[in-house]
N, C-alpha and C. Protein backbone atom coordinates (compact mmCIF):
# COMPACT_ATOMS: atom_id res chain seq x y z
N MET A 1 -3.34 -16.87 -9.33
CA MET A 1 -3.51 -15.35 -9.24
C MET A 1 -2.79 -14.57 -8.78
N ALA A 2 -2.30 -13.46 -8.93
CA ALA A 2 -1.34 -12.77 -8.24
C ALA A 2 -2.60 -11.93 -7.49
N LYS A 3 -2.23 -11.22 -6.08
CA LYS A 3 -3.26 -10.40 -5.65
C LYS A 3 -2.31 -9.33 -4.86
N LEU A 4 -3.26 -8.07 -4.68
CA LEU A 4 -2.86 -7.62 -3.63
C LEU A 4 -3.72 -7.48 -2.18
N ILE A 5 -3.19 -7.41 -1.06
CA ILE A 5 -3.98 -6.93 0.15
C ILE A 5 -3.80 -5.37 0.32
N ILE A 6 -5.04 -4.61 0.45
CA ILE A 6 -4.85 -3.31 0.65
C ILE A 6 -5.03 -3.39 2.19
N ARG A 7 -4.27 -2.38 2.86
CA ARG A 7 -4.32 -2.01 4.58
C ARG A 7 -4.60 -0.34 4.41
N LYS A 8 -5.74 0.06 5.22
CA LYS A 8 -5.67 1.44 5.27
C LYS A 8 -6.09 1.64 6.95
N THR A 9 -5.42 2.68 7.27
CA THR A 9 -5.68 2.78 8.55
C THR A 9 -6.90 3.28 8.98
N GLY A 10 -7.94 2.63 9.85
CA GLY A 10 -9.03 2.84 10.05
C GLY A 10 -10.13 2.32 9.34
N ALA A 11 -9.93 0.96 8.27
CA ALA A 11 -10.50 0.33 7.31
C ALA A 11 -10.19 -0.97 7.24
N PRO A 12 -11.01 -1.61 6.89
CA PRO A 12 -11.00 -3.20 6.84
C PRO A 12 -9.92 -3.36 5.88
N GLU A 13 -9.32 -4.89 6.17
CA GLU A 13 -8.12 -4.86 5.07
C GLU A 13 -9.27 -5.73 3.78
N VAL A 14 -8.33 -5.36 2.35
CA VAL A 14 -8.93 -5.76 1.35
C VAL A 14 -8.36 -6.36 0.47
N GLN A 15 -8.87 -7.48 -0.05
CA GLN A 15 -7.87 -8.29 -1.37
C GLN A 15 -8.32 -7.91 -2.48
N PHE A 16 -7.48 -7.66 -3.49
CA PHE A 16 -7.28 -7.27 -4.82
C PHE A 16 -7.01 -8.01 -5.92
N ASN A 17 -7.74 -8.90 -6.51
CA ASN A 17 -7.08 -10.21 -7.59
C ASN A 17 -6.20 -9.40 -8.88
N ILE A 18 -5.13 -9.16 -8.96
CA ILE A 18 -4.53 -8.51 -10.13
C ILE A 18 -5.18 -9.53 -11.81
N THR A 19 -5.91 -9.04 -12.42
CA THR A 19 -6.48 -9.72 -13.45
C THR A 19 -5.88 -9.24 -15.06
N ASN A 20 -5.29 -8.13 -14.73
CA ASN A 20 -5.04 -7.34 -15.87
C ASN A 20 -3.29 -6.88 -15.91
N PRO A 21 -2.55 -7.13 -17.24
CA PRO A 21 -1.08 -7.07 -17.08
C PRO A 21 -0.43 -5.35 -16.79
N VAL A 22 -1.65 -4.39 -16.83
CA VAL A 22 -1.27 -3.31 -16.31
C VAL A 22 -2.14 -2.97 -15.54
N LEU A 23 -1.88 -1.98 -14.60
CA LEU A 23 -3.24 -1.92 -13.19
C LEU A 23 -2.35 -0.49 -12.79
N THR A 24 -3.18 0.49 -12.54
CA THR A 24 -2.97 2.07 -12.40
C THR A 24 -3.28 1.94 -10.60
N ILE A 25 -2.62 2.82 -10.16
CA ILE A 25 -2.78 3.06 -8.71
C ILE A 25 -2.94 4.46 -8.20
N GLY A 26 -4.30 4.88 -7.95
CA GLY A 26 -4.19 6.47 -7.72
C GLY A 26 -5.81 6.65 -7.18
N ARG A 27 -6.25 8.13 -7.43
CA ARG A 27 -7.45 8.51 -6.89
C ARG A 27 -8.27 8.73 -8.24
N ALA A 28 -7.82 8.69 -9.23
CA ALA A 28 -8.42 8.92 -10.61
C ALA A 28 -9.54 7.58 -10.76
N LYS A 29 -10.94 7.82 -11.23
CA LYS A 29 -11.89 6.84 -11.51
C LYS A 29 -11.36 5.92 -12.46
N GLU A 30 -10.45 6.13 -13.24
CA GLU A 30 -9.96 5.11 -14.74
C GLU A 30 -9.10 4.23 -13.71
N GLY A 31 -8.58 4.27 -12.69
CA GLY A 31 -7.65 3.71 -12.44
C GLY A 31 -8.05 2.11 -12.30
N GLY A 32 -7.12 1.02 -11.75
CA GLY A 32 -7.33 0.07 -11.54
C GLY A 32 -7.51 -0.02 -10.18
N ILE A 33 -6.82 0.17 -9.07
CA ILE A 33 -7.15 0.63 -7.47
C ILE A 33 -7.37 2.20 -7.45
N ILE A 34 -8.43 2.40 -6.93
CA ILE A 34 -9.16 3.58 -6.65
C ILE A 34 -8.92 3.99 -5.17
N LEU A 35 -8.18 4.90 -4.62
CA LEU A 35 -8.00 5.08 -3.39
C LEU A 35 -8.59 6.57 -3.22
N LYS A 36 -9.96 6.46 -2.92
CA LYS A 36 -10.36 8.14 -2.55
C LYS A 36 -10.20 8.48 -1.67
N GLY A 37 -10.01 8.04 -0.26
CA GLY A 37 -9.80 8.51 1.16
C GLY A 37 -8.51 9.13 1.47
N ASP A 38 -7.44 8.61 0.67
CA ASP A 38 -6.23 9.02 1.05
C ASP A 38 -5.72 10.77 0.28
N ILE A 39 -5.41 11.52 0.73
CA ILE A 39 -5.45 12.61 0.32
C ILE A 39 -3.75 12.92 -0.19
N LYS A 40 -2.90 11.85 0.68
CA LYS A 40 -1.32 11.72 -0.05
C LYS A 40 -1.28 11.44 -1.55
N VAL A 41 -2.25 10.69 -2.05
CA VAL A 41 -2.23 9.75 -3.18
C VAL A 41 -2.72 10.59 -4.37
N SER A 42 -1.66 10.57 -5.25
CA SER A 42 -1.70 11.34 -6.71
C SER A 42 -3.16 10.71 -7.44
N ARG A 43 -3.34 11.42 -8.57
CA ARG A 43 -4.38 10.73 -9.21
C ARG A 43 -4.25 9.67 -9.91
N LYS A 44 -2.83 9.70 -10.42
CA LYS A 44 -2.40 8.71 -11.10
C LYS A 44 -0.85 8.44 -10.41
N HIS A 45 -1.01 7.69 -9.25
CA HIS A 45 0.39 7.40 -8.36
C HIS A 45 1.11 6.51 -8.72
N ALA A 46 0.97 5.08 -9.16
CA ALA A 46 1.97 4.29 -9.31
C ALA A 46 1.35 3.22 -10.11
N ARG A 47 2.16 2.43 -10.91
CA ARG A 47 1.48 1.25 -11.84
C ARG A 47 2.35 -0.15 -11.66
N LEU A 48 1.43 -1.16 -11.78
CA LEU A 48 2.07 -2.28 -11.99
C LEU A 48 2.22 -2.80 -13.42
N ASP A 49 3.09 -3.47 -13.88
CA ASP A 49 3.34 -4.15 -15.17
C ASP A 49 3.74 -5.72 -15.03
N PHE A 50 2.83 -6.13 -15.73
CA PHE A 50 3.40 -7.81 -16.03
C PHE A 50 4.26 -8.27 -17.12
N LEU A 51 5.63 -8.40 -17.00
CA LEU A 51 6.04 -8.50 -18.01
C LEU A 51 6.90 -9.58 -18.19
N ASP A 52 7.00 -10.57 -19.13
CA ASP A 52 8.05 -11.72 -19.11
C ASP A 52 7.78 -12.82 -17.58
N GLY A 53 6.56 -13.00 -17.22
CA GLY A 53 6.48 -13.57 -15.86
C GLY A 53 6.61 -12.62 -14.47
N THR A 54 7.01 -11.77 -14.62
CA THR A 54 7.35 -10.99 -13.48
C THR A 54 6.63 -9.67 -13.27
N PHE A 55 6.25 -8.96 -12.10
CA PHE A 55 5.64 -7.81 -11.88
C PHE A 55 6.85 -7.05 -11.36
N PHE A 56 6.10 -5.98 -12.18
CA PHE A 56 7.08 -4.36 -12.14
C PHE A 56 6.55 -3.16 -11.72
N LEU A 57 6.90 -2.74 -10.74
CA LEU A 57 6.31 -1.48 -9.79
C LEU A 57 6.83 -0.20 -10.18
N SER A 58 6.21 1.08 -10.99
CA SER A 58 6.79 1.89 -11.21
C SER A 58 6.28 3.15 -10.50
N ASP A 59 6.61 4.38 -10.19
CA ASP A 59 6.06 5.33 -9.83
C ASP A 59 5.69 6.19 -11.05
N LEU A 60 4.50 6.99 -10.88
CA LEU A 60 3.87 7.86 -12.11
C LEU A 60 4.27 9.60 -11.78
N LYS A 61 5.51 9.56 -10.78
CA LYS A 61 5.67 10.94 -11.01
C LYS A 61 4.59 11.54 -9.87
N SER A 62 4.32 11.15 -9.31
CA SER A 62 3.62 11.38 -8.01
C SER A 62 4.17 12.32 -7.09
N ALA A 63 3.31 13.17 -6.36
CA ALA A 63 3.69 14.05 -5.44
C ALA A 63 4.37 13.76 -4.17
N ASN A 64 4.10 12.74 -3.58
CA ASN A 64 4.43 11.89 -2.43
C ASN A 64 5.23 11.02 -2.56
N GLY A 65 5.54 10.46 -3.75
CA GLY A 65 6.59 8.94 -3.92
C GLY A 65 5.60 7.88 -3.61
N THR A 66 6.31 6.94 -4.38
CA THR A 66 5.95 5.79 -3.97
C THR A 66 7.01 4.64 -3.26
N TYR A 67 6.81 4.11 -2.31
CA TYR A 67 7.99 3.42 -1.29
C TYR A 67 7.78 1.71 -1.41
N LEU A 68 8.67 1.13 -1.80
CA LEU A 68 8.62 -0.38 -1.54
C LEU A 68 9.70 -0.82 -0.75
N ASN A 69 8.68 -1.78 0.53
CA ASN A 69 9.98 -1.84 1.45
C ASN A 69 10.63 -0.85 2.10
N GLU A 70 10.07 0.05 2.41
CA GLU A 70 10.34 1.73 3.09
C GLU A 70 11.45 2.33 2.31
N ARG A 71 11.61 1.91 1.27
CA ARG A 71 12.75 2.85 0.08
C ARG A 71 11.63 3.47 -1.28
N LEU A 72 12.11 4.61 -1.46
CA LEU A 72 11.34 5.31 -2.65
C LEU A 72 11.75 4.72 -3.74
N VAL A 73 10.79 4.53 -4.53
CA VAL A 73 11.22 3.82 -5.71
C VAL A 73 11.57 4.84 -7.03
N LYS A 74 12.54 4.46 -7.38
CA LYS A 74 13.07 4.99 -8.67
C LYS A 74 13.18 4.46 -9.85
N GLY A 75 12.51 4.99 -10.86
CA GLY A 75 12.17 3.90 -12.02
C GLY A 75 11.04 2.64 -11.72
N ARG A 76 11.52 1.62 -12.77
CA ARG A 76 11.13 0.37 -12.27
C ARG A 76 11.60 -0.83 -11.76
N VAL A 77 10.95 -1.39 -10.89
CA VAL A 77 11.48 -2.39 -9.78
C VAL A 77 10.82 -3.63 -9.72
N ALA A 78 11.04 -4.49 -9.49
CA ALA A 78 10.34 -6.09 -9.95
C ALA A 78 10.34 -6.20 -8.58
N LEU A 79 8.95 -6.89 -8.27
CA LEU A 79 8.40 -7.50 -7.15
C LEU A 79 8.04 -8.71 -6.95
N LYS A 80 8.50 -9.14 -5.67
CA LYS A 80 8.11 -10.13 -5.29
C LYS A 80 7.33 -10.76 -3.78
N ASP A 81 7.18 -11.94 -3.89
CA ASP A 81 5.86 -11.86 -2.63
C ASP A 81 6.32 -11.44 -1.59
N GLY A 82 5.39 -10.97 -0.82
CA GLY A 82 5.46 -10.30 0.54
C GLY A 82 5.88 -8.67 0.46
N ASP A 83 6.27 -8.28 -0.77
CA ASP A 83 6.86 -6.89 -0.73
C ASP A 83 5.96 -5.71 -0.48
N LYS A 84 5.87 -4.99 0.49
CA LYS A 84 5.00 -3.55 0.87
C LYS A 84 5.10 -2.51 -0.01
N VAL A 85 4.18 -1.92 -0.41
CA VAL A 85 4.23 -1.06 -1.58
C VAL A 85 3.35 -0.11 -0.85
N THR A 86 4.11 1.07 -0.51
CA THR A 86 3.20 2.12 0.33
C THR A 86 3.13 3.23 -0.57
N VAL A 87 1.79 3.56 -0.77
CA VAL A 87 1.35 4.73 -1.51
C VAL A 87 0.42 6.01 -0.44
N GLY A 88 1.21 6.81 -0.46
CA GLY A 88 0.34 7.86 0.53
C GLY A 88 -0.09 7.19 1.99
N ASP A 89 -0.77 7.04 2.43
CA ASP A 89 -0.83 6.29 4.04
C ASP A 89 -1.33 4.80 3.51
N THR A 90 -1.25 4.47 2.55
CA THR A 90 -2.01 2.72 2.21
C THR A 90 -0.89 2.06 1.86
N ASP A 91 -1.05 0.88 2.55
CA ASP A 91 -0.08 0.04 2.15
C ASP A 91 -0.69 -1.37 1.53
N LEU A 92 0.18 -1.40 -0.04
CA LEU A 92 -0.56 -2.38 -0.35
C LEU A 92 0.75 -3.85 -0.62
N ILE A 93 0.23 -5.10 0.35
CA ILE A 93 1.10 -6.12 0.21
C ILE A 93 0.81 -7.04 -0.96
N PHE A 94 1.96 -7.48 -1.68
CA PHE A 94 1.89 -7.94 -3.15
C PHE A 94 2.52 -9.56 -2.63
N PHE A 95 1.35 -10.39 -3.54
CA PHE A 95 1.55 -11.64 -3.25
C PHE A 95 1.63 -12.25 -5.12
N SER A 96 2.39 -12.87 -5.58
CA SER A 96 2.56 -13.51 -7.03
C SER A 96 1.89 -14.70 -7.09
N GLU A 97 1.74 -15.35 -6.17
CA GLU A 97 1.29 -17.10 -6.11
C GLU A 97 2.04 -17.44 -7.29
N GLY A 98 3.14 -17.50 -7.79
CA GLY A 98 3.23 -18.22 -8.92
C GLY A 98 3.58 -17.21 -10.28
N GLY A 99 3.41 -16.21 -10.19
CA GLY A 99 3.63 -15.08 -11.09
C GLY A 99 2.71 -15.00 -12.16
N ILE A 100 1.20 -15.74 -11.84
CA ILE A 100 0.27 -16.08 -12.93
C ILE A 100 -0.62 -14.90 -12.88
N ILE A 101 -1.10 -14.30 -13.91
CA ILE A 101 -2.32 -13.31 -14.19
C ILE A 101 -3.78 -14.53 -14.28
N ALA A 102 -4.66 -14.07 -13.63
CA ALA A 102 -5.72 -14.93 -13.90
C ALA A 102 -6.29 -14.99 -15.80
N GLY A 103 -6.21 -16.41 -16.16
CA GLY A 103 -6.66 -16.47 -17.70
C GLY A 103 -5.20 -16.72 -18.52
N THR A 104 -4.01 -16.59 -17.87
CA THR A 104 -2.94 -17.10 -18.83
C THR A 104 -2.19 -17.94 -18.84
N VAL A 105 -2.71 -19.01 -17.88
CA VAL A 105 -2.49 -20.60 -18.14
C VAL A 105 -3.98 -21.28 -18.31
N HIS A 106 -4.32 -21.76 -19.11
CA HIS A 106 -5.57 -22.44 -19.16
C HIS A 106 -5.60 -24.28 -19.05
N LYS A 107 -4.54 -24.53 -19.18
CA LYS A 107 -4.69 -26.02 -18.60
C LYS A 107 -4.00 -26.32 -17.47
N ASP A 108 -4.37 -27.44 -16.82
CA ASP A 108 -3.38 -28.18 -15.59
C ASP A 108 -2.28 -28.65 -16.40
N GLU A 109 -2.23 -29.21 -17.41
CA GLU A 109 -1.41 -29.69 -18.21
C GLU A 109 0.00 -28.92 -18.08
N GLU A 110 0.29 -27.94 -18.60
CA GLU A 110 1.10 -26.81 -18.70
C GLU A 110 2.03 -26.59 -17.59
N LEU A 111 1.23 -27.07 -16.14
CA LEU A 111 1.82 -26.51 -14.83
C LEU A 111 2.46 -27.77 -14.89
N VAL A 112 3.60 -27.98 -14.79
CA VAL A 112 4.61 -29.23 -14.43
C VAL A 112 5.57 -29.15 -13.28
N PRO A 113 5.38 -29.80 -12.18
CA PRO A 113 6.30 -29.88 -11.16
C PRO A 113 7.27 -30.08 -11.24
N VAL A 114 8.56 -29.30 -10.56
CA VAL A 114 10.02 -29.37 -10.88
C VAL A 114 10.67 -30.33 -9.51
N ASP A 115 11.25 -31.64 -10.16
CA ASP A 115 11.86 -31.87 -9.08
C ASP A 115 12.87 -31.51 -8.17
N PRO A 116 12.74 -31.14 -7.20
CA PRO A 116 13.78 -30.48 -6.32
C PRO A 116 15.07 -31.26 -6.82
N LYS A 117 15.35 -32.38 -6.94
CA LYS A 117 16.83 -32.86 -7.21
C LYS A 117 17.29 -32.49 -8.23
N SER A 118 16.91 -32.02 -9.22
CA SER A 118 17.04 -31.50 -10.40
C SER A 118 17.46 -29.89 -10.13
N VAL A 119 17.13 -29.07 -9.59
CA VAL A 119 17.45 -27.81 -9.16
C VAL A 119 19.02 -27.47 -8.70
N LYS A 120 19.88 -26.81 -9.27
CA LYS A 120 21.09 -26.45 -9.13
C LYS A 120 21.32 -25.39 -8.54
N ARG A 121 21.84 -25.26 -7.17
CA ARG A 121 22.21 -24.13 -6.54
C ARG A 121 23.09 -23.14 -7.27
N ALA A 122 22.67 -21.94 -7.30
CA ALA A 122 23.79 -20.72 -7.78
C ALA A 122 24.73 -20.94 -6.58
N SER A 123 26.25 -20.32 -7.61
CA SER A 123 27.26 -20.42 -6.78
C SER A 123 27.16 -18.77 -6.27
N PRO A 124 28.06 -18.25 -5.56
CA PRO A 124 28.06 -16.65 -5.24
C PRO A 124 28.28 -16.08 -6.26
N ALA A 125 29.29 -16.71 -7.38
CA ALA A 125 29.41 -15.69 -8.60
C ALA A 125 28.18 -15.53 -9.79
N GLU A 126 27.55 -16.51 -9.23
CA GLU A 126 26.08 -16.49 -10.56
C GLU A 126 25.42 -15.59 -9.81
N VAL A 127 25.19 -15.15 -8.74
CA VAL A 127 23.81 -14.63 -8.09
C VAL A 127 24.22 -13.02 -8.74
N PRO A 128 22.98 -12.40 -9.22
CA PRO A 128 23.37 -11.33 -9.69
C PRO A 128 23.51 -10.11 -8.88
N PRO A 129 23.96 -8.92 -8.99
CA PRO A 129 24.24 -7.79 -7.52
C PRO A 129 22.87 -7.48 -7.33
N PRO A 130 22.63 -6.86 -5.97
CA PRO A 130 21.22 -6.24 -5.83
C PRO A 130 21.00 -5.16 -6.75
N ARG A 131 19.80 -4.98 -6.68
CA ARG A 131 19.33 -3.97 -7.76
C ARG A 131 19.45 -2.32 -7.16
N ARG A 132 20.04 -1.55 -7.77
CA ARG A 132 20.39 0.09 -7.27
C ARG A 132 19.02 0.84 -7.80
N GLU A 133 17.81 0.60 -8.17
CA GLU A 133 16.96 1.37 -8.36
C GLU A 133 16.15 1.96 -7.09
N VAL A 134 16.29 1.45 -6.14
CA VAL A 134 15.85 2.29 -4.76
C VAL A 134 16.49 3.28 -4.12
N ALA A 135 16.07 3.96 -3.64
CA ALA A 135 16.91 5.00 -2.58
C ALA A 135 16.08 4.79 -1.51
N LYS A 136 17.57 4.98 -0.23
CA LYS A 136 16.74 4.74 1.07
C LYS A 136 15.98 5.79 1.33
N LYS A 137 15.17 5.76 2.33
CA LYS A 137 14.85 6.92 2.86
C LYS A 137 15.87 7.73 3.98
N PRO A 138 16.13 8.95 3.79
CA PRO A 138 17.25 9.33 4.63
C PRO A 138 16.80 9.28 6.24
N GLU A 139 17.89 9.15 6.83
CA GLU A 139 18.37 8.71 8.15
C GLU A 139 17.53 9.19 9.21
N ALA A 140 17.76 10.56 8.91
CA ALA A 140 17.61 12.05 9.70
C ALA A 140 16.01 12.20 10.12
N GLU A 141 15.09 11.74 8.80
CA GLU A 141 13.68 11.69 8.94
C GLU A 141 13.33 10.84 9.89
N THR A 142 12.19 11.19 10.71
CA THR A 142 11.53 10.51 11.61
C THR A 142 10.18 10.62 10.57
N PRO A 143 9.77 9.03 11.17
CA PRO A 143 8.57 8.66 10.44
C PRO A 143 7.51 9.40 10.84
N LYS A 144 6.48 9.96 10.14
CA LYS A 144 5.07 10.69 10.64
C LYS A 144 4.07 9.76 10.88
N PRO A 145 3.74 10.02 12.19
CA PRO A 145 1.83 9.17 12.64
C PRO A 145 1.13 9.42 11.77
N ARG A 146 0.61 8.17 11.24
CA ARG A 146 -0.29 7.96 10.20
C ARG A 146 -1.63 8.25 10.59
N ALA A 147 -2.16 9.58 9.77
CA ALA A 147 -3.46 10.09 10.22
C ALA A 147 -4.77 9.14 9.64
N ARG A 148 -5.65 9.31 10.45
CA ARG A 148 -6.89 8.21 10.73
C ARG A 148 -7.82 8.79 9.13
N LEU A 149 -7.74 8.21 8.39
CA LEU A 149 -8.87 8.50 7.45
C LEU A 149 -10.14 8.18 7.63
N ASP A 150 -11.25 9.09 6.81
CA ASP A 150 -12.39 9.14 7.23
C ASP A 150 -13.12 8.29 5.46
N PHE A 151 -13.30 6.86 6.02
CA PHE A 151 -13.75 6.08 4.74
C PHE A 151 -15.22 6.10 5.13
N GLY A 152 -15.87 6.77 5.55
CA GLY A 152 -17.55 6.88 5.71
C GLY A 152 -18.11 6.78 7.25
N PRO A 153 -19.36 6.98 7.36
CA PRO A 153 -20.17 6.80 8.69
C PRO A 153 -19.59 6.49 9.56
N GLN A 154 -19.47 4.86 9.19
CA GLN A 154 -18.86 3.81 10.50
C GLN A 154 -17.83 4.24 11.02
N ASP A 155 -16.80 5.33 10.46
CA ASP A 155 -15.69 5.49 10.89
C ASP A 155 -15.35 6.82 11.64
N VAL A 156 -16.76 7.85 11.66
CA VAL A 156 -16.84 8.68 12.24
C VAL A 156 -16.87 8.94 13.88
N SER A 157 -15.79 9.66 14.26
CA SER A 157 -15.98 9.38 15.71
C SER A 157 -16.43 10.57 16.78
N THR A 158 -17.35 10.87 17.15
CA THR A 158 -17.70 12.03 18.21
C THR A 158 -17.49 11.91 19.51
N THR A 159 -17.20 12.83 20.43
CA THR A 159 -17.96 12.89 21.89
C THR A 159 -18.24 14.35 22.12
N LYS A 160 -19.07 14.59 23.56
CA LYS A 160 -19.46 15.74 23.99
C LYS A 160 -18.46 16.19 25.05
N CYS A 161 -18.52 17.36 24.93
CA CYS A 161 -17.92 18.16 25.86
C CYS A 161 -18.42 18.07 27.36
N PRO A 162 -17.74 17.62 28.28
CA PRO A 162 -18.47 17.23 29.32
C PRO A 162 -18.94 18.57 30.28
N LYS A 163 -18.53 19.50 29.82
CA LYS A 163 -18.96 20.95 30.68
C LYS A 163 -20.25 21.59 29.56
N CYS A 164 -20.08 21.68 28.35
CA CYS A 164 -20.83 22.66 27.76
C CYS A 164 -21.71 21.43 26.60
N SER A 165 -21.45 19.94 26.57
CA SER A 165 -21.98 19.26 25.90
C SER A 165 -22.05 19.74 24.37
N ALA A 166 -20.90 20.37 23.96
CA ALA A 166 -21.03 20.69 22.86
C ALA A 166 -20.24 19.49 21.84
N VAL A 167 -20.72 19.02 20.75
CA VAL A 167 -20.11 17.92 19.75
C VAL A 167 -18.58 17.89 19.51
N ILE A 168 -17.92 17.32 19.41
CA ILE A 168 -16.48 17.51 19.05
C ILE A 168 -16.02 16.27 18.26
N ASP A 169 -15.32 16.60 17.24
CA ASP A 169 -14.98 15.28 16.21
C ASP A 169 -13.58 15.22 16.47
N VAL A 170 -13.33 13.59 17.01
CA VAL A 170 -12.13 13.09 17.34
C VAL A 170 -11.41 11.87 16.43
N THR A 171 -12.24 12.09 14.96
CA THR A 171 -11.78 11.05 14.32
C THR A 171 -10.20 11.20 14.44
N ASN A 172 -9.44 11.89 14.68
CA ASN A 172 -7.88 11.72 14.39
C ASN A 172 -7.24 11.98 15.75
N ILE A 173 -7.91 11.85 16.71
CA ILE A 173 -7.40 11.95 17.82
C ILE A 173 -7.19 10.55 18.66
N PRO A 174 -5.82 10.20 19.17
CA PRO A 174 -5.89 8.84 19.36
C PRO A 174 -6.22 8.87 21.15
N LYS A 175 -7.15 7.87 21.25
CA LYS A 175 -7.25 7.63 23.01
C LYS A 175 -6.56 7.85 23.74
N GLY A 176 -6.78 8.72 24.85
CA GLY A 176 -6.06 9.00 26.09
C GLY A 176 -5.36 10.18 25.91
N ALA A 177 -5.61 11.22 24.72
CA ALA A 177 -5.12 12.36 24.33
C ALA A 177 -5.95 13.21 24.88
N LYS A 178 -5.66 14.53 25.22
CA LYS A 178 -6.07 15.94 25.58
C LYS A 178 -6.43 16.39 24.51
N VAL A 179 -8.09 16.94 24.49
CA VAL A 179 -8.84 17.80 23.62
C VAL A 179 -9.50 19.03 24.78
N GLY A 180 -9.69 20.16 23.58
CA GLY A 180 -9.78 21.11 24.17
C GLY A 180 -11.39 21.50 23.83
N CYS A 181 -12.15 22.13 24.21
CA CYS A 181 -13.54 22.29 23.41
C CYS A 181 -13.04 23.76 23.02
N ALA A 182 -14.03 23.97 21.52
CA ALA A 182 -13.82 25.22 20.99
C ALA A 182 -14.60 26.16 21.61
N ARG A 183 -16.06 25.69 22.20
CA ARG A 183 -16.73 26.58 22.66
C ARG A 183 -16.55 26.97 24.10
N CYS A 184 -16.27 26.24 25.08
CA CYS A 184 -16.30 26.60 26.23
C CYS A 184 -14.45 26.52 27.08
N LYS A 185 -13.62 26.03 26.06
CA LYS A 185 -12.42 26.07 26.13
C LYS A 185 -12.34 25.09 27.34
N HIS A 186 -12.59 24.03 27.38
CA HIS A 186 -12.57 23.31 28.64
C HIS A 186 -11.65 22.05 28.14
N ILE A 187 -10.50 21.44 28.55
CA ILE A 187 -9.63 20.65 28.30
C ILE A 187 -10.00 19.51 29.22
N PHE A 188 -10.14 17.72 28.51
CA PHE A 188 -10.67 16.79 28.72
C PHE A 188 -9.93 15.66 28.10
N VAL A 189 -9.73 14.35 28.76
CA VAL A 189 -9.41 13.20 27.96
C VAL A 189 -10.48 12.58 27.14
N VAL A 190 -9.50 12.08 25.83
CA VAL A 190 -10.96 11.27 25.46
C VAL A 190 -10.93 10.10 25.71
């Protein structure tokens, strides 16, 4: 069965089993994978399609784009095991496990093992050229630090100002960074 491992900053990893031939990714409630806490994700951001035994990824004209292995997706691209799909600040790692959607193979008899000796190696002339459907990220662009996302009360972290005891939200502040109190203007390290 094909699956996606969903990784968000500040949240536990989630495994999503793909059971439909068409899967929408976005913030919309009618989507297959709903990414509520990620503000960089469009309502209908990307889509996975299962066609002729292969999974394909396509961007649905999202505001911030969809990336496959750090490259911007243009059009439809085929997915393979271990591919990293980035949607906003969320990474989805794809595993096809044989390219089978749950329920498409009904009997164990239909799965026939292949003898490795019977597999012919492709000569360099038979290997298809690499796909040109993804554009490389501009080299001059530096990667932006990923913001910590708020996924509920277990992820909220606050601290008190040592001078005036005002409560300060430090959810998006990394450990060891300097923080200024808005009330008394005291600067301290988190």
